[in-house]
Amino acid sequence: FASITKGREYFAGVLFVSSTLLAKRSTEVADRLRLNTLYVALTRFRDEVTVTYSADCPIASLLDTASQL
């Protein structure tokens, strides 16, 4: 994903966040890398982005808060 979209920007898009985004047995470094990848993906959309995720997603509360901004 990162190599083919590096530096590209899109007008709008949809992101699907997996409920396994932060796997239970992952390391802190791996978690940071996954969150960084999510951040980069979010910042690629210029005008509009729709994020879908399940209620059991480990960062659902963060995504809920961000959607109210």
N, C-alpha and C. Protein backbone atom coordinates (compact mmCIF):
# COMPACT_ATOMS: atom_id res chain seq x y z
N PHE A 1 0.83 -1.20 0.00
CA PHE A 1 0.00 0.00 0.00
C PHE A 1 0.86 1.24 0.00
N ALA A 2 1.78 1.34 0.92
CA ALA A 2 2.55 2.58 1.08
C ALA A 2 3.40 2.90 -0.14
N SER A 3 4.01 1.89 -0.75
CA SER A 3 4.92 2.16 -1.87
C SER A 3 4.19 2.64 -3.12
N ILE A 4 2.98 2.15 -3.37
CA ILE A 4 2.28 2.56 -4.58
C ILE A 4 1.51 3.87 -4.41
N THR A 5 1.28 4.30 -3.19
CA THR A 5 0.53 5.54 -2.97
C THR A 5 1.38 6.64 -2.37
N LYS A 6 2.64 6.40 -2.23
CA LYS A 6 3.52 7.38 -1.57
C LYS A 6 3.42 8.74 -2.28
N GLY A 7 3.05 9.74 -1.51
CA GLY A 7 2.97 11.09 -2.02
C GLY A 7 1.72 11.42 -2.80
N ARG A 8 0.84 10.47 -3.00
CA ARG A 8 -0.38 10.73 -3.75
C ARG A 8 -1.46 11.29 -2.83
N GLU A 9 -2.35 12.08 -3.45
CA GLU A 9 -3.48 12.63 -2.71
C GLU A 9 -4.74 12.39 -3.51
N TYR A 10 -5.82 12.10 -2.81
CA TYR A 10 -7.09 11.80 -3.46
C TYR A 10 -8.16 12.75 -2.94
N PHE A 11 -9.18 13.01 -3.74
CA PHE A 11 -10.25 13.90 -3.32
C PHE A 11 -11.09 13.28 -2.22
N ALA A 12 -11.40 12.00 -2.36
CA ALA A 12 -12.25 11.31 -1.38
C ALA A 12 -11.94 9.82 -1.38
N GLY A 13 -12.36 9.16 -0.31
CA GLY A 13 -12.12 7.72 -0.26
C GLY A 13 -12.80 7.08 0.94
N VAL A 14 -12.67 5.77 1.00
CA VAL A 14 -13.23 4.98 2.08
C VAL A 14 -12.12 4.14 2.67
N LEU A 15 -11.99 4.17 4.00
CA LEU A 15 -11.03 3.32 4.70
C LEU A 15 -11.79 2.30 5.53
N PHE A 16 -11.36 1.07 5.45
CA PHE A 16 -11.93 0.00 6.26
C PHE A 16 -10.91 -0.37 7.32
N VAL A 17 -11.23 -0.13 8.58
CA VAL A 17 -10.31 -0.43 9.68
C VAL A 17 -10.69 -1.78 10.28
N SER A 18 -9.75 -2.68 10.25
CA SER A 18 -9.99 -4.04 10.74
C SER A 18 -10.07 -4.06 12.26
N SER A 19 -10.87 -4.98 12.78
CA SER A 19 -10.94 -5.14 14.24
C SER A 19 -9.64 -5.73 14.78
N THR A 20 -8.79 -6.21 13.91
CA THR A 20 -7.49 -6.75 14.32
C THR A 20 -6.37 -5.75 14.08
N LEU A 21 -6.71 -4.48 13.96
CA LEU A 21 -5.70 -3.44 13.71
C LEU A 21 -4.58 -3.52 14.73
N LEU A 22 -4.95 -3.64 15.98
CA LEU A 22 -3.95 -3.78 17.04
C LEU A 22 -4.10 -5.19 17.62
N ALA A 23 -3.36 -6.11 17.08
CA ALA A 23 -3.44 -7.50 17.52
C ALA A 23 -3.05 -7.60 18.99
N LYS A 24 -3.68 -8.50 19.71
CA LYS A 24 -3.44 -8.63 21.15
C LYS A 24 -1.99 -8.93 21.49
N ARG A 25 -1.32 -9.68 20.66
CA ARG A 25 0.05 -10.10 20.97
C ARG A 25 1.11 -9.29 20.23
N SER A 26 0.77 -8.11 19.78
CA SER A 26 1.75 -7.31 19.06
C SER A 26 2.59 -6.48 20.02
N THR A 27 3.69 -6.01 19.53
CA THR A 27 4.58 -5.19 20.34
C THR A 27 4.18 -3.72 20.24
N GLU A 28 4.71 -2.91 21.12
CA GLU A 28 4.42 -1.49 21.09
C GLU A 28 4.88 -0.87 19.77
N VAL A 29 6.03 -1.31 19.29
CA VAL A 29 6.56 -0.79 18.02
C VAL A 29 5.62 -1.16 16.87
N ALA A 30 5.14 -2.39 16.85
CA ALA A 30 4.22 -2.82 15.81
C ALA A 30 2.92 -2.03 15.87
N ASP A 31 2.42 -1.78 17.07
CA ASP A 31 1.20 -0.98 17.24
C ASP A 31 1.40 0.43 16.70
N ARG A 32 2.53 1.03 17.01
CA ARG A 32 2.81 2.38 16.51
C ARG A 32 2.88 2.41 14.99
N LEU A 33 3.48 1.38 14.42
CA LEU A 33 3.58 1.30 12.97
C LEU A 33 2.21 1.19 12.33
N ARG A 34 1.33 0.38 12.92
CA ARG A 34 -0.02 0.25 12.38
C ARG A 34 -0.80 1.56 12.50
N LEU A 35 -0.68 2.23 13.63
CA LEU A 35 -1.37 3.51 13.80
C LEU A 35 -0.80 4.57 12.87
N ASN A 36 0.50 4.54 12.65
CA ASN A 36 1.11 5.49 11.73
C ASN A 36 0.60 5.25 10.31
N THR A 37 0.47 3.98 9.93
CA THR A 37 -0.06 3.66 8.61
C THR A 37 -1.48 4.16 8.46
N LEU A 38 -2.30 4.00 9.50
CA LEU A 38 -3.66 4.51 9.48
C LEU A 38 -3.66 6.02 9.33
N TYR A 39 -2.80 6.72 10.07
CA TYR A 39 -2.70 8.17 9.99
C TYR A 39 -2.33 8.61 8.57
N VAL A 40 -1.35 7.97 7.99
CA VAL A 40 -0.92 8.31 6.64
C VAL A 40 -2.06 8.10 5.65
N ALA A 41 -2.77 6.98 5.80
CA ALA A 41 -3.91 6.71 4.91
C ALA A 41 -4.97 7.80 5.05
N LEU A 42 -5.27 8.20 6.28
CA LEU A 42 -6.28 9.23 6.51
C LEU A 42 -5.89 10.57 5.90
N THR A 43 -4.63 10.89 5.95
CA THR A 43 -4.18 12.19 5.46
C THR A 43 -4.02 12.24 3.94
N ARG A 44 -4.24 11.14 3.26
CA ARG A 44 -4.16 11.12 1.79
C ARG A 44 -5.41 11.67 1.13
N PHE A 45 -6.50 11.80 1.88
CA PHE A 45 -7.76 12.25 1.30
C PHE A 45 -7.95 13.74 1.57
N ARG A 46 -8.10 14.50 0.49
CA ARG A 46 -8.13 15.95 0.61
C ARG A 46 -9.47 16.50 1.09
N ASP A 47 -10.57 16.04 0.50
CA ASP A 47 -11.87 16.65 0.78
C ASP A 47 -12.77 15.83 1.70
N GLU A 48 -12.75 14.52 1.54
CA GLU A 48 -13.69 13.69 2.30
C GLU A 48 -13.14 12.28 2.47
N VAL A 49 -13.34 11.74 3.65
CA VAL A 49 -12.98 10.35 3.90
C VAL A 49 -14.05 9.72 4.78
N THR A 50 -14.43 8.51 4.43
CA THR A 50 -15.37 7.74 5.22
C THR A 50 -14.60 6.58 5.83
N VAL A 51 -14.69 6.46 7.14
CA VAL A 51 -13.98 5.39 7.84
C VAL A 51 -15.02 4.43 8.40
N THR A 52 -14.88 3.16 8.04
CA THR A 52 -15.78 2.15 8.59
C THR A 52 -14.98 1.22 9.50
N TYR A 53 -15.61 0.84 10.59
CA TYR A 53 -14.96 -0.04 11.56
C TYR A 53 -16.02 -0.68 12.44
N SER A 54 -15.68 -1.79 13.03
CA SER A 54 -16.63 -2.48 13.89
C SER A 54 -16.52 -1.95 15.32
N ALA A 55 -17.54 -2.18 16.10
CA ALA A 55 -17.56 -1.70 17.48
C ALA A 55 -16.47 -2.33 18.33
N ASP A 56 -16.00 -3.52 17.93
CA ASP A 56 -14.96 -4.19 18.72
C ASP A 56 -13.55 -3.81 18.27
N CYS A 57 -13.45 -2.84 17.38
CA CYS A 57 -12.13 -2.36 16.95
C CYS A 57 -11.43 -1.72 18.15
N PRO A 58 -10.16 -2.05 18.40
CA PRO A 58 -9.46 -1.55 19.58
C PRO A 58 -9.36 -0.02 19.65
N ILE A 59 -9.46 0.64 18.52
CA ILE A 59 -9.36 2.10 18.55
C ILE A 59 -10.69 2.76 18.18
N ALA A 60 -11.79 2.04 18.38
CA ALA A 60 -13.12 2.57 18.05
C ALA A 60 -13.40 3.87 18.79
N SER A 61 -13.02 3.96 20.05
CA SER A 61 -13.28 5.19 20.80
C SER A 61 -12.50 6.37 20.21
N LEU A 62 -11.29 6.13 19.74
CA LEU A 62 -10.52 7.20 19.10
C LEU A 62 -11.17 7.64 17.79
N LEU A 63 -11.64 6.67 17.02
CA LEU A 63 -12.28 6.99 15.75
C LEU A 63 -13.60 7.72 16.00
N ASP A 64 -14.35 7.32 17.03
CA ASP A 64 -15.60 8.01 17.36
C ASP A 64 -15.32 9.46 17.72
N THR A 65 -14.29 9.70 18.52
CA THR A 65 -13.93 11.05 18.92
C THR A 65 -13.52 11.88 17.71
N ALA A 66 -12.72 11.30 16.84
CA ALA A 66 -12.23 12.01 15.65
C ALA A 66 -13.37 12.37 14.72
N SER A 67 -14.40 11.53 14.66
CA SER A 67 -15.52 11.80 13.76
C SER A 67 -16.35 13.01 14.20
N GLN A 68 -16.21 13.41 15.47
CA GLN A 68 -16.97 14.54 15.98
C GLN A 68 -16.23 15.87 15.78
N LEU A 69 -15.01 15.82 15.30
CA LEU A 69 -14.24 17.04 15.08
C LEU A 69 -14.66 17.78 13.85
